[in-house]
Each structure stands twice: as C-alpha cells, then as structure tokens.
PDB file of N, CA and C in Angstrom:
ATOM      1  N   MET A   1     146.072 151.421  39.316  1.00  0.00           N
ATOM      2  CA  MET A   1     147.454 151.828  39.321  1.00  0.00           C
ATOM      3  C   MET A   1     148.078 151.434  40.657  1.00  0.00           C
ATOM      4  N   LYS A   2     149.345 151.060  40.612  1.00  0.00           N
ATOM      5  CA  LYS A   2     150.065 150.700  41.833  1.00  0.00           C
ATOM      6  C   LYS A   2     150.714 151.943  42.438  1.00  0.00           C
ATOM      7  N   TYR A   3     150.683 151.989  43.767  1.00  0.00           N
ATOM      8  CA  TYR A   3     151.316 153.072  44.515  1.00  0.00           C
ATOM      9  C   TYR A   3     152.159 152.483  45.633  1.00  0.00           C
ATOM     10  N   MET A   4     153.332 153.083  45.844  1.00  0.00           N
ATOM     11  CA  MET A   4     154.166 152.745  46.984  1.00  0.00           C
ATOM     12  C   MET A   4     153.936 153.827  48.028  1.00  0.00           C
ATOM     13  N   LEU A   5     153.571 153.415  49.220  1.00  0.00           N
ATOM     14  CA  LEU A   5     153.367 154.328  50.334  1.00  0.00           C
ATOM     15  C   LEU A   5     154.571 154.159  51.257  1.00  0.00           C
ATOM     16  N   LEU A   6     155.442 155.134  51.253  1.00  0.00           N
ATOM     17  CA  LEU A   6     156.695 155.079  52.007  1.00  0.00           C
ATOM     18  C   LEU A   6     156.496 155.779  53.343  1.00  0.00           C
ATOM     19  N   ILE A   7     156.797 155.084  54.413  1.00  0.00           N
ATOM     20  CA  ILE A   7     156.514 155.568  55.759  1.00  0.00           C
ATOM     21  C   ILE A   7     157.802 156.076  56.407  1.00  0.00           C
ATOM     22  N   TYR A   8     157.806 157.356  56.752  1.00  0.00           N
ATOM     23  CA  TYR A   8     158.964 157.987  57.379  1.00  0.00           C
ATOM     24  C   TYR A   8     158.591 158.485  58.776  1.00  0.00           C
ATOM     25  N   SER A   9     159.507 158.307  59.712  1.00  0.00           N
ATOM     26  CA  SER A   9     159.338 158.890  61.041  1.00  0.00           C
ATOM     27  C   SER A   9     160.678 158.905  61.746  1.00  0.00           C
ATOM     28  N   GLU A  10     160.721 159.603  62.845  1.00  0.00           N
ATOM     29  CA  GLU A  10     161.922 159.594  63.673  1.00  0.00           C
ATOM     30  C   GLU A  10     161.892 158.313  64.498  1.00  0.00           C
ATOM     31  N   GLU A  11     162.860 157.443  64.283  1.00  0.00           N
ATOM     32  CA  GLU A  11     162.857 156.141  64.963  1.00  0.00           C
ATOM     33  C   GLU A  11     162.773 156.268  66.477  1.00  0.00           C
ATOM     34  N   ASN A  12     163.488 157.219  67.032  1.00  0.00           N
ATOM     35  CA  ASN A  12     163.558 157.347  68.490  1.00  0.00           C
ATOM     36  C   ASN A  12     162.322 157.987  69.099  1.00  0.00           C
ATOM     37  N   SER A  13     161.371 158.406  68.271  1.00  0.00           N
ATOM     38  CA  SER A  13     160.177 159.052  68.813  1.00  0.00           C
ATOM     39  C   SER A  13     159.113 158.034  69.244  1.00  0.00           C
ATOM     40  N   TRP A  14     159.335 156.761  68.954  1.00  0.00           N
ATOM     41  CA  TRP A  14     158.363 155.712  69.280  1.00  0.00           C
ATOM     42  C   TRP A  14     158.761 154.977  70.559  1.00  0.00           C
ATOM     43  N   THR A  15     157.821 154.840  71.484  1.00  0.00           N
ATOM     44  CA  THR A  15     158.056 153.952  72.618  1.00  0.00           C
ATOM     45  C   THR A  15     157.779 152.532  72.126  1.00  0.00           C
ATOM     46  N   GLU A  16     158.239 151.551  72.834  1.00  0.00           N
ATOM     47  CA  GLU A  16     158.004 150.162  72.405  1.00  0.00           C
ATOM     48  C   GLU A  16     156.509 149.825  72.378  1.00  0.00           C
ATOM     49  N   PRO A  17     155.719 150.236  73.379  1.00  0.00           N
ATOM     50  CA  PRO A  17     154.279 149.977  73.287  1.00  0.00           C
ATOM     51  C   PRO A  17     153.622 150.677  72.086  1.00  0.00           C
ATOM     52  N   GLU A  18     154.059 151.900  71.773  1.00  0.00           N
ATOM     53  CA  GLU A  18     153.512 152.596  70.599  1.00  0.00           C
ATOM     54  C   GLU A  18     153.859 151.849  69.316  1.00  0.00           C
ATOM     55  N   ARG A  19     155.098 151.370  69.223  1.00  0.00           N
ATOM     56  CA  ARG A  19     155.544 150.626  68.046  1.00  0.00           C
ATOM     57  C   ARG A  19     154.738 149.343  67.881  1.00  0.00           C
ATOM     58  N   GLU A  20     154.537 148.615  68.956  1.00  0.00           N
ATOM     59  CA  GLU A  20     153.764 147.364  68.896  1.00  0.00           C
ATOM     60  C   GLU A  20     152.312 147.639  68.501  1.00  0.00           C
ATOM     61  N   ARG A  21     151.729 148.706  69.039  1.00  0.00           N
ATOM     62  CA  ARG A  21     150.359 149.079  68.684  1.00  0.00           C
ATOM     63  C   ARG A  21     150.284 149.467  67.202  1.00  0.00           C
ATOM     64  N   CYS A  22     151.277 150.197  66.720  1.00  0.00           N
ATOM     65  CA  CYS A  22     151.330 150.588  65.314  1.00  0.00           C
ATOM     66  C   CYS A  22     151.412 149.346  64.421  1.00  0.00           C
ATOM     67  N   PHE A  23     152.241 148.377  64.790  1.00  0.00           N
ATOM     68  CA  PHE A  23     152.351 147.136  64.012  1.00  0.00           C
ATOM     69  C   PHE A  23     151.016 146.393  63.986  1.00  0.00           C
ATOM     70  N   ALA A  24     150.350 146.316  65.135  1.00  0.00           N
ATOM     71  CA  ALA A  24     149.065 145.606  65.203  1.00  0.00           C
ATOM     72  C   ALA A  24     148.010 146.308  64.349  1.00  0.00           C
ATOM     73  N   GLU A  25     147.940 147.637  64.446  1.00  0.00           N
ATOM     74  CA  GLU A  25     146.964 148.387  63.653  1.00  0.00           C
ATOM     75  C   GLU A  25     147.291 148.305  62.162  1.00  0.00           C
ATOM     76  N   SER A  26     148.564 148.315  61.818  1.00  0.00           N
ATOM     77  CA  SER A  26     148.971 148.198  60.421  1.00  0.00           C
ATOM     78  C   SER A  26     148.613 146.821  59.865  1.00  0.00           C
ATOM     79  N   THR A  27     148.797 145.787  60.673  1.00  0.00           N
ATOM     80  CA  THR A  27     148.431 144.440  60.244  1.00  0.00           C
ATOM     81  C   THR A  27     146.936 144.356  59.976  1.00  0.00           C
ATOM     82  N   GLN A  28     146.147 144.962  60.854  1.00  0.00           N
ATOM     83  CA  GLN A  28     144.692 144.991  60.645  1.00  0.00           C
ATOM     84  C   GLN A  28     144.356 145.712  59.339  1.00  0.00           C
ATOM     85  N   LEU A  29     145.036 146.819  59.077  1.00  0.00           N
ATOM     86  CA  LEU A  29     144.801 147.569  57.840  1.00  0.00           C
ATOM     87  C   LEU A  29     145.132 146.716  56.622  1.00  0.00           C
ATOM     88  N   THR A  30     146.212 145.934  56.686  1.00  0.00           N
ATOM     89  CA  THR A  30     146.552 145.088  55.538  1.00  0.00           C
ATOM     90  C   THR A  30     145.436 144.087  55.246  1.00  0.00           C
ATOM     91  N   HIS A  31     144.803 143.562  56.286  1.00  0.00           N
ATOM     92  CA  HIS A  31     143.698 142.618  56.088  1.00  0.00           C
ATOM     93  C   HIS A  31     142.497 143.316  55.453  1.00  0.00           C
ATOM     94  N   GLU A  32     142.200 144.533  55.891  1.00  0.00           N
ATOM     95  CA  GLU A  32     141.097 145.295  55.304  1.00  0.00           C
ATOM     96  C   GLU A  32     141.375 145.606  53.832  1.00  0.00           C
ATOM     97  N   LEU A  33     142.600 146.038  53.539  1.00  0.00           N
ATOM     98  CA  LEU A  33     142.963 146.347  52.155  1.00  0.00           C
ATOM     99  C   LEU A  33     142.930 145.089  51.284  1.00  0.00           C
ATOM    100  N   ASN A  34     143.343 143.959  51.853  1.00  0.00           N
ATOM    101  CA  ASN A  34     143.308 142.706  51.111  1.00  0.00           C
ATOM    102  C   ASN A  34     141.865 142.337  50.737  1.00  0.00           C
ATOM    103  N   GLN A  35     140.940 142.506  51.671  1.00  0.00           N
ATOM    104  CA  GLN A  35     139.527 142.221  51.396  1.00  0.00           C
ATOM    105  C   GLN A  35     138.974 143.138  50.316  1.00  0.00           C
ATOM    106  N   GLN A  36     139.520 144.347  50.210  1.00  0.00           N
ATOM    107  CA  GLN A  36     139.067 145.313  49.209  1.00  0.00           C
ATOM    108  C   GLN A  36     139.798 145.150  47.876  1.00  0.00           C
ATOM    109  N   GLY A  37     140.767 144.232  47.813  1.00  0.00           N
ATOM    110  CA  GLY A  37     141.531 144.009  46.587  1.00  0.00           C
ATOM    111  C   GLY A  37     142.604 145.047  46.327  1.00  0.00           C
ATOM    112  N   CYS A  38     142.994 145.794  47.362  1.00  0.00           N
ATOM    113  CA  CYS A  38     143.992 146.862  47.203  1.00  0.00           C
ATOM    114  C   CYS A  38     145.381 146.466  47.679  1.00  0.00           C
ATOM    115  N   TYR A  39     145.481 145.439  48.489  1.00  0.00           N
ATOM    116  CA  TYR A  39     146.743 145.086  49.147  1.00  0.00           C
ATOM    117  C   TYR A  39     147.662 144.312  48.211  1.00  0.00           C
ATOM    118  N   LEU A  40     148.906 144.781  48.081  1.00  0.00           N
ATOM    119  CA  LEU A  40     149.917 144.067  47.311  1.00  0.00           C
ATOM    120  C   LEU A  40     151.105 143.661  48.178  1.00  0.00           C
ATOM    121  N   GLY A  41     151.356 144.390  49.256  1.00  0.00           N
ATOM    122  CA  GLY A  41     152.455 144.062  50.156  1.00  0.00           C
ATOM    123  C   GLY A  41     152.658 145.167  51.179  1.00  0.00           C
ATOM    124  N   ALA A  42     153.302 144.839  52.277  1.00  0.00           N
ATOM    125  CA  ALA A  42     153.621 145.826  53.312  1.00  0.00           C
ATOM    126  C   ALA A  42     154.616 145.214  54.282  1.00  0.00           C
ATOM    127  N   SER A  43     155.457 146.050  54.856  1.00  0.00           N
ATOM    128  CA  SER A  43     156.378 145.558  55.872  1.00  0.00           C
ATOM    129  C   SER A  43     157.075 146.724  56.561  1.00  0.00           C
ATOM    130  N   PRO A  44     157.299 146.602  57.869  1.00  0.00           N
ATOM    131  CA  PRO A  44     158.181 147.558  58.531  1.00  0.00           C
ATOM    132  C   PRO A  44     159.626 147.174  58.195  1.00  0.00           C
ATOM    133  N   LEU A  45     160.531 148.112  58.363  1.00  0.00           N
ATOM    134  CA  LEU A  45     161.949 147.858  58.132  1.00  0.00           C
ATOM    135  C   LEU A  45     162.691 147.816  59.461  1.00  0.00           C
ATOM    136  N   GLN A  46     163.810 147.106  59.466  1.00  0.00           N
ATOM    137  CA  GLN A  46     164.681 147.097  60.642  1.00  0.00           C
ATOM    138  C   GLN A  46     165.207 148.520  60.862  1.00  0.00           C
ATOM    139  N   PRO A  47     165.716 148.839  62.054  1.00  0.00           N
ATOM    140  CA  PRO A  47     166.215 150.195  62.334  1.00  0.00           C
ATOM    141  C   PRO A  47     167.274 150.641  61.326  1.00  0.00           C
ATOM    142  N   VAL A  48     167.375 151.944  61.139  1.00  0.00           N
ATOM    143  CA  VAL A  48     168.292 152.524  60.164  1.00  0.00           C
ATOM    144  C   VAL A  48     169.747 152.148  60.466  1.00  0.00           C
ATOM    145  N   ALA A  49     170.060 151.834  61.705  1.00  0.00           N
ATOM    146  CA  ALA A  49     171.418 151.427  62.059  1.00  0.00           C
ATOM    147  C   ALA A  49     171.824 150.123  61.362  1.00  0.00           C
ATOM    148  N   THR A  50     170.860 149.357  60.884  1.00  0.00           N
ATOM    149  CA  THR A  50     171.166 148.095  60.199  1.00  0.00           C
ATOM    150  C   THR A  50     171.337 148.287  58.690  1.00  0.00           C
ATOM    151  N   ALA A  51     171.147 149.498  58.195  1.00  0.00           N
ATOM    152  CA  ALA A  51     171.202 149.764  56.755  1.00  0.00           C
ATOM    153  C   ALA A  51     172.626 149.703  56.221  1.00  0.00           C
ATOM    154  N   THR A  52     172.733 149.308  54.974  1.00  0.00           N
ATOM    155  CA  THR A  52     173.984 149.338  54.223  1.00  0.00           C
ATOM    156  C   THR A  52     173.680 149.972  52.874  1.00  0.00           C
ATOM    157  N   SER A  53     174.487 150.917  52.458  1.00  0.00           N
ATOM    158  CA  SER A  53     174.281 151.594  51.179  1.00  0.00           C
ATOM    159  C   SER A  53     175.348 151.162  50.183  1.00  0.00           C
ATOM    160  N   ILE A  54     174.923 150.910  48.951  1.00  0.00           N
ATOM    161  CA  ILE A  54     175.812 150.453  47.893  1.00  0.00           C
ATOM    162  C   ILE A  54     175.788 151.480  46.764  1.00  0.00           C
ATOM    163  N   ARG A  55     176.956 151.840  46.299  1.00  0.00           N
ATOM    164  CA  ARG A  55     177.079 152.708  45.122  1.00  0.00           C
ATOM    165  C   ARG A  55     178.089 152.063  44.184  1.00  0.00           C
ATOM    166  N   VAL A  56     177.856 152.164  42.890  1.00  0.00           N
ATOM    167  CA  VAL A  56     178.824 151.687  41.908  1.00  0.00           C
ATOM    168  C   VAL A  56     179.219 152.880  41.053  1.00  0.00           C
ATOM    169  N   ARG A  57     180.489 153.210  41.077  1.00  0.00           N
ATOM    170  CA  ARG A  57     181.016 154.337  40.312  1.00  0.00           C
ATOM    171  C   ARG A  57     182.224 153.844  39.513  1.00  0.00           C
ATOM    172  N   ASP A  58     182.203 154.125  38.229  1.00  0.00           N
ATOM    173  CA  ASP A  58     183.291 153.685  37.350  1.00  0.00           C
ATOM    174  C   ASP A  58     183.565 152.193  37.506  1.00  0.00           C
ATOM    175  N   GLY A  59     182.498 151.426  37.674  1.00  0.00           N
ATOM    176  CA  GLY A  59     182.620 149.976  37.783  1.00  0.00           C
ATOM    177  C   GLY A  59     183.094 149.470  39.134  1.00  0.00           C
ATOM    178  N   LYS A  60     183.266 150.358  40.102  1.00  0.00           N
ATOM    179  CA  LYS A  60     183.752 149.950  41.423  1.00  0.00           C
ATOM    180  C   LYS A  60     182.644 150.092  42.444  1.00  0.00           C
ATOM    181  N   ARG A  61     182.479 149.051  43.237  1.00  0.00           N
ATOM    182  CA  ARG A  61     181.454 149.037  44.284  1.00  0.00           C
ATOM    183  C   ARG A  61     181.976 149.729  45.530  1.00  0.00           C
ATOM    184  N   MET A  62     181.124 150.612  46.092  1.00  0.00           N
ATOM    185  CA  MET A  62     181.435 151.263  47.362  1.00  0.00           C
ATOM    186  C   MET A  62     180.325 150.886  48.342  1.00  0.00           C
ATOM    187  N   VAL A  63     180.704 150.310  49.463  1.00  0.00           N
ATOM    188  CA  VAL A  63     179.752 149.877  50.477  1.00  0.00           C
ATOM    189  C   VAL A  63     179.971 150.715  51.729  1.00  0.00           C
ATOM    190  N   THR A  64     178.887 151.331  52.233  1.00  0.00           N
ATOM    191  CA  THR A  64     178.985 152.111  53.461  1.00  0.00           C
ATOM    192  C   THR A  64     177.885 151.692  54.423  1.00  0.00           C
ATOM    193  N   ASP A  65     178.192 151.749  55.690  1.00  0.00           N
ATOM    194  CA  ASP A  65     177.188 151.467  56.710  1.00  0.00           C
ATOM    195  C   ASP A  65     176.245 152.652  56.805  1.00  0.00           C
ATOM    196  N   GLY A  66     174.991 152.342  57.067  1.00  0.00           N
ATOM    197  CA  GLY A  66     174.017 153.395  57.296  1.00  0.00           C
ATOM    198  C   GLY A  66     173.195 153.718  56.072  1.00  0.00           C
ATOM    199  N   PRO A  67     172.256 154.623  56.253  1.00  0.00           N
ATOM    200  CA  PRO A  67     171.351 154.994  55.161  1.00  0.00           C
ATOM    201  C   PRO A  67     172.058 155.869  54.128  1.00  0.00           C
ATOM    202  N   PHE A  68     171.386 156.060  53.005  1.00  0.00           N
ATOM    203  CA  PHE A  68     171.918 156.885  51.922  1.00  0.00           C
ATOM    204  C   PHE A  68     172.137 158.323  52.378  1.00  0.00           C
ATOM    205  N   ALA A  69     171.196 158.861  53.137  1.00  0.00           N
ATOM    206  CA  ALA A  69     171.279 160.263  53.554  1.00  0.00           C
ATOM    207  C   ALA A  69     170.911 160.391  55.027  1.00  0.00           C
ATOM    208  N   GLU A  70     171.560 161.320  55.688  1.00  0.00           N
ATOM    209  CA  GLU A  70     171.213 161.637  57.070  1.00  0.00           C
ATOM    210  C   GLU A  70     170.021 162.577  57.052  1.00  0.00           C
ATOM    211  N   THR A  71     168.925 162.147  57.653  1.00  0.00           N
ATOM    212  CA  THR A  71     167.722 162.969  57.699  1.00  0.00           C
ATOM    213  C   THR A  71     167.094 162.872  59.075  1.00  0.00           C
ATOM    214  N   ARG A  72     166.191 163.785  59.353  1.00  0.00           N
ATOM    215  CA  ARG A  72     165.489 163.752  60.642  1.00  0.00           C
ATOM    216  C   ARG A  72     164.555 162.556  60.708  1.00  0.00           C
ATOM    217  N   GLU A  73     163.833 162.302  59.612  1.00  0.00           N
ATOM    218  CA  GLU A  73     162.938 161.153  59.558  1.00  0.00           C
ATOM    219  C   GLU A  73     163.580 160.064  58.700  1.00  0.00           C
ATOM    220  N   GLN A  74     163.424 158.826  59.130  1.00  0.00           N
ATOM    221  CA  GLN A  74     163.994 157.710  58.409  1.00  0.00           C
ATOM    222  C   GLN A  74     162.886 156.865  57.780  1.00  0.00           C
ATOM    223  N   LEU A  75     163.221 156.193  56.667  1.00  0.00           N
ATOM    224  CA  LEU A  75     162.299 155.261  56.037  1.00  0.00           C
ATOM    225  C   LEU A  75     162.131 154.080  56.972  1.00  0.00           C
ATOM    226  N   GLY A  76     160.903 153.850  57.416  1.00  0.00           N
ATOM    227  CA  GLY A  76     160.661 152.806  58.405  1.00  0.00           C
ATOM    228  C   GLY A  76     159.813 151.658  57.902  1.00  0.00           C
ATOM    229  N   GLY A  77     159.226 151.807  56.724  1.00  0.00           N
ATOM    230  CA  GLY A  77     158.395 150.729  56.205  1.00  0.00           C
ATOM    231  C   GLY A  77     157.655 151.179  54.967  1.00  0.00           C
ATOM    232  N   PHE A  78     156.831 150.275  54.442  1.00  0.00           N
ATOM    233  CA  PHE A  78     156.108 150.582  53.215  1.00  0.00           C
ATOM    234  C   PHE A  78     154.832 149.775  53.101  1.00  0.00           C
ATOM    235  N   PHE A  79     153.934 150.281  52.301  1.00  0.00           N
ATOM    236  CA  PHE A  79     152.762 149.559  51.813  1.00  0.00           C
ATOM    237  C   PHE A  79     152.837 149.646  50.296  1.00  0.00           C
ATOM    238  N   LEU A  80     152.562 148.560  49.610  1.00  0.00           N
ATOM    239  CA  LEU A  80     152.413 148.559  48.161  1.00  0.00           C
ATOM    240  C   LEU A  80     150.949 148.250  47.898  1.00  0.00           C
ATOM    241  N   ILE A  81     150.267 149.175  47.220  1.00  0.00           N
ATOM    242  CA  ILE A  81     148.820 149.041  47.054  1.00  0.00           C
ATOM    243  C   ILE A  81     148.412 149.199  45.598  1.00  0.00           C
ATOM    244  N   GLU A  82     147.212 148.790  45.317  1.00  0.00           N
ATOM    245  CA  GLU A  82     146.545 149.052  44.045  1.00  0.00           C
ATOM    246  C   GLU A  82     145.427 150.039  44.368  1.00  0.00           C
ATOM    247  N   ALA A  83     145.388 151.154  43.643  1.00  0.00           N
ATOM    248  CA  ALA A  83     144.352 152.161  43.880  1.00  0.00           C
ATOM    249  C   ALA A  83     143.893 152.723  42.540  1.00  0.00           C
ATOM    250  N   GLU A  84     142.652 153.157  42.523  1.00  0.00           N
ATOM    251  CA  GLU A  84     142.052 153.696  41.300  1.00  0.00           C
ATOM    252  C   GLU A  84     142.796 154.930  40.802  1.00  0.00           C
ATOM    253  N   ASP A  85     143.202 155.804  41.749  1.00  0.00           N
ATOM    254  CA  ASP A  85     143.881 157.042  41.388  1.00  0.00           C
ATOM    255  C   ASP A  85     144.595 157.593  42.623  1.00  0.00           C
ATOM    256  N   LEU A  86     145.238 158.735  42.458  1.00  0.00           N
ATOM    257  CA  LEU A  86     145.990 159.342  43.563  1.00  0.00           C
ATOM    258  C   LEU A  86     145.096 159.639  44.754  1.00  0.00           C
ATOM    259  N   ASP A  87     143.893 160.137  44.514  1.00  0.00           N
ATOM    260  CA  ASP A  87     142.993 160.443  45.628  1.00  0.00           C
ATOM    261  C   ASP A  87     142.688 159.197  46.453  1.00  0.00           C
ATOM    262  N   ALA A  88     142.452 158.066  45.781  1.00  0.00           N
ATOM    263  CA  ALA A  88     142.185 156.812  46.492  1.00  0.00           C
ATOM    264  C   ALA A  88     143.428 156.362  47.260  1.00  0.00           C
ATOM    265  N   ALA A  89     144.615 156.542  46.674  1.00  0.00           N
ATOM    266  CA  ALA A  89     145.857 156.180  47.360  1.00  0.00           C
ATOM    267  C   ALA A  89     146.070 157.039  48.596  1.00  0.00           C
ATOM    268  N   ILE A  90     145.749 158.322  48.494  1.00  0.00           N
ATOM    269  CA  ILE A  90     145.880 159.232  49.638  1.00  0.00           C
ATOM    270  C   ILE A  90     144.922 158.815  50.753  1.00  0.00           C
ATOM    271  N   CYS A  91     143.717 158.397  50.389  1.00  0.00           N
ATOM    272  CA  CYS A  91     142.749 157.942  51.398  1.00  0.00           C
ATOM    273  C   CYS A  91     143.262 156.711  52.139  1.00  0.00           C
ATOM    274  N   ILE A  92     143.970 155.850  51.442  1.00  0.00           N
ATOM    275  CA  ILE A  92     144.568 154.688  52.112  1.00  0.00           C
ATOM    276  C   ILE A  92     145.749 155.137  52.966  1.00  0.00           C
ATOM    277  N   ALA A  93     146.601 156.013  52.426  1.00  0.00           N
ATOM    278  CA  ALA A  93     147.791 156.471  53.151  1.00  0.00           C
ATOM    279  C   ALA A  93     147.431 157.120  54.488  1.00  0.00           C
ATOM    280  N   GLU A  94     146.337 157.856  54.518  1.00  0.00           N
ATOM    281  CA  GLU A  94     145.967 158.532  55.772  1.00  0.00           C
ATOM    282  C   GLU A  94     145.496 157.550  56.836  1.00  0.00           C
ATOM    283  N   ARG A  95     145.185 156.320  56.431  1.00  0.00           N
ATOM    284  CA  ARG A  95     144.758 155.298  57.388  1.00  0.00           C
ATOM    285  C   ARG A  95     145.938 154.544  57.996  1.00  0.00           C
ATOM    286  N   ILE A  96     147.136 154.737  57.482  1.00  0.00           N
ATOM    287  CA  ILE A  96     148.318 154.069  58.024  1.00  0.00           C
ATOM    288  C   ILE A  96     148.616 154.667  59.397  1.00  0.00           C
ATOM    289  N   PRO A  97     148.661 153.834  60.428  1.00  0.00           N
ATOM    290  CA  PRO A  97     148.846 154.352  61.789  1.00  0.00           C
ATOM    291  C   PRO A  97     150.068 155.256  61.964  1.00  0.00           C
ATOM    292  N   ALA A  98     151.162 154.966  61.284  1.00  0.00           N
ATOM    293  CA  ALA A  98     152.384 155.761  61.447  1.00  0.00           C
ATOM    294  C   ALA A  98     152.231 157.179  60.918  1.00  0.00           C
ATOM    295  N   ALA A  99     151.204 157.453  60.121  1.00  0.00           N
ATOM    296  CA  ALA A  99     150.974 158.807  59.617  1.00  0.00           C
ATOM    297  C   ALA A  99     150.668 159.776  60.757  1.00  0.00           C
ATOM    298  N   LYS A 100     150.226 159.232  61.900  1.00  0.00           N
ATOM    299  CA  LYS A 100     149.908 160.083  63.052  1.00  0.00           C
ATOM    300  C   LYS A 100     151.155 160.646  63.706  1.00  0.00           C
ATOM    301  N   LYS A 101     152.317 159.994  63.466  1.00  0.00           N
ATOM    302  CA  LYS A 101     153.554 160.433  64.097  1.00  0.00           C
ATOM    303  C   LYS A 101     154.623 160.834  63.101  1.00  0.00           C
ATOM    304  N   GLY A 102     154.466 160.403  61.868  1.00  0.00           N
ATOM    305  CA  GLY A 102     155.478 160.668  60.856  1.00  0.00           C
ATOM    306  C   GLY A 102     154.850 161.148  59.564  1.00  0.00           C
ATOM    307  N   THR A 103     155.421 160.731  58.456  1.00  0.00           N
ATOM    308  CA  THR A 103     154.997 161.152  57.124  1.00  0.00           C
ATOM    309  C   THR A 103     154.835 159.928  56.238  1.00  0.00           C
ATOM    310  N   VAL A 104     153.796 159.909  55.427  1.00  0.00           N
ATOM    311  CA  VAL A 104     153.633 158.858  54.427  1.00  0.00           C
ATOM    312  C   VAL A 104     153.737 159.518  53.053  1.00  0.00           C
ATOM    313  N   GLU A 105     154.735 159.104  52.301  1.00  0.00           N
ATOM    314  CA  GLU A 105     154.942 159.608  50.945  1.00  0.00           C
ATOM    315  C   GLU A 105     154.234 158.665  49.979  1.00  0.00           C
ATOM    316  N   VAL A 106     153.410 159.208  49.097  1.00  0.00           N
ATOM    317  CA  VAL A 106     152.652 158.420  48.122  1.00  0.00           C
ATOM    318  C   VAL A 106     153.330 158.590  46.765  1.00  0.00           C
ATOM    319  N   ARG A 107     153.776 157.460  46.181  1.00  0.00           N
ATOM    320  CA  ARG A 107     154.467 157.513  44.891  1.00  0.00           C
ATOM    321  C   ARG A 107     153.885 156.498  43.933  1.00  0.00           C
ATOM    322  N   PRO A 108     153.489 156.928  42.728  1.00  0.00           N
ATOM    323  CA  PRO A 108     153.033 155.971  41.722  1.00  0.00           C
ATOM    324  C   PRO A 108     154.200 155.069  41.313  1.00  0.00           C
ATOM    325  N   VAL A 109     153.889 153.821  41.039  1.00  0.00           N
ATOM    326  CA  VAL A 109     154.895 152.848  40.622  1.00  0.00           C
ATOM    327  C   VAL A 109     154.931 152.792  39.097  1.00  0.00           C
ATOM    328  N   VAL A 110     156.101 152.809  38.523  1.00  0.00           N
ATOM    329  CA  VAL A 110     156.258 152.626  37.091  1.00  0.00           C
ATOM    330  C   VAL A 110     156.179 151.126  36.825  1.00  0.00           C
ATOM    331  N   GLU A 111     155.214 150.726  36.047  1.00  0.00           N
ATOM    332  CA  GLU A 111     155.038 149.305  35.760  1.00  0.00           C
ATOM    333  C   GLU A 111     155.716 148.976  34.438  1.00  0.00           C
ATOM    334  N   LEU A 112     156.813 148.232  34.514  1.00  0.00           N
ATOM    335  CA  LEU A 112     157.586 147.848  33.343  1.00  0.00           C
ATOM    336  C   LEU A 112     157.066 146.536  32.774  1.00  0.00           C
ATOM    337  N   THR A 113     157.116 146.397  31.481  1.00  0.00           N
ATOM    338  CA  THR A 113     156.742 145.132  30.863  1.00  0.00           C
ATOM    339  C   THR A 113     157.948 144.191  30.889  1.00  0.00           C
ATOM    340  N   GLY A 114     157.672 142.898  30.837  1.00  0.00           N
ATOM    341  CA  GLY A 114     158.747 141.917  30.802  1.00  0.00           C
ATOM    342  C   GLY A 114     159.314 141.524  32.146  1.00  0.00           C
ATOM    343  N   MET A 115     158.741 142.059  33.215  1.00  0.00           N
ATOM    344  CA  MET A 115     159.215 141.708  34.561  1.00  0.00           C
ATOM    345  C   MET A 115     158.603 140.367  34.960  1.00  0.00           C
ATOM    346  N   PRO A 116     159.258 139.604  35.864  1.00  0.00           N
ATOM    347  CA  PRO A 116     158.685 138.346  36.329  1.00  0.00           C
ATOM    348  C   PRO A 116     157.363 138.573  37.046  1.00  0.00           C
ATOM    349  N   GLU A 117     156.477 137.629  36.961  1.00  0.00           N
ATOM    350  CA  GLU A 117     155.227 137.687  37.714  1.00  0.00           C
ATOM    351  C   GLU A 117     155.510 137.513  39.190  1.00  0.00           C
ATOM    352  N   GLN A 118     154.689 138.144  40.033  1.00  0.00           N
ATOM    353  CA  GLN A 118     154.858 138.001  41.478  1.00  0.00           C
ATOM    354  C   GLN A 118     154.496 136.573  41.891  1.00  0.00           C
ATOM    355  N   ALA A 119     155.210 136.080  42.884  1.00  0.00           N
ATOM    356  CA  ALA A 119     154.936 134.718  43.382  1.00  0.00           C
ATOM    357  C   ALA A 119     153.639 134.652  44.127  1.00  0.00           C
TER     358      ALA A 119
END
C-alpha cells in the first residue's frame, strides 16, 4: 500500500546548519528506502511564504498568497512510500529526520484506476 508521509514543522525553528543536516540525512534515508523497494518519491518544499492557494467557487477562481490555513507548523515536505501496512509506514516515518523537531503525518493513498503510469 502507498502512504504519503507529510512533514510539518515550524519553519523558523530550524537553523541553516540544522536544515542542511536534515536534508543530508533525508537524502540518505531515500537511498536506504530505495534499496528496500519502499521509495516512491520525496522532496522538501520551498518556504510557506512562496505558497499560493487556489479556490474555485461558482466557477470563479480565487488566488491568494500564502498557505491554505495559518498554523503553528507548516507543511515542509513529503515522502511517498510503499509499505506493507500502517505499522511499517510508521516505522519509516519515525526515521525521517524532521520528526525530531516537527510532526510526520502518515496517510494512506487512495489508488485510483485509469491514472497515467509514473514516468
């Protein structure tokens, strides 16, 4: 089953050396997961200040700067993995370096039929 591991933290709580170390450790984790056949994708996101939110209501597009919701922790990145079950996904999520400073949300992915194959 596929799981999306959503990484949340307070952006301003990271020093630049901590952020660089987190990226390096996360990259290493992606290689380990790839060797185990669990890795499907991962990436950090640009700061929340670069976000744009889109809503369509009554056929009209509304574009606003910033994230969808103001929260203490912001979505900062993700891992997309293949895991046997929720317990296996949780074991992977706890290995994500950012879990030491923030929160990793584990969500099963709904797999729809008829979607394009991944490149």
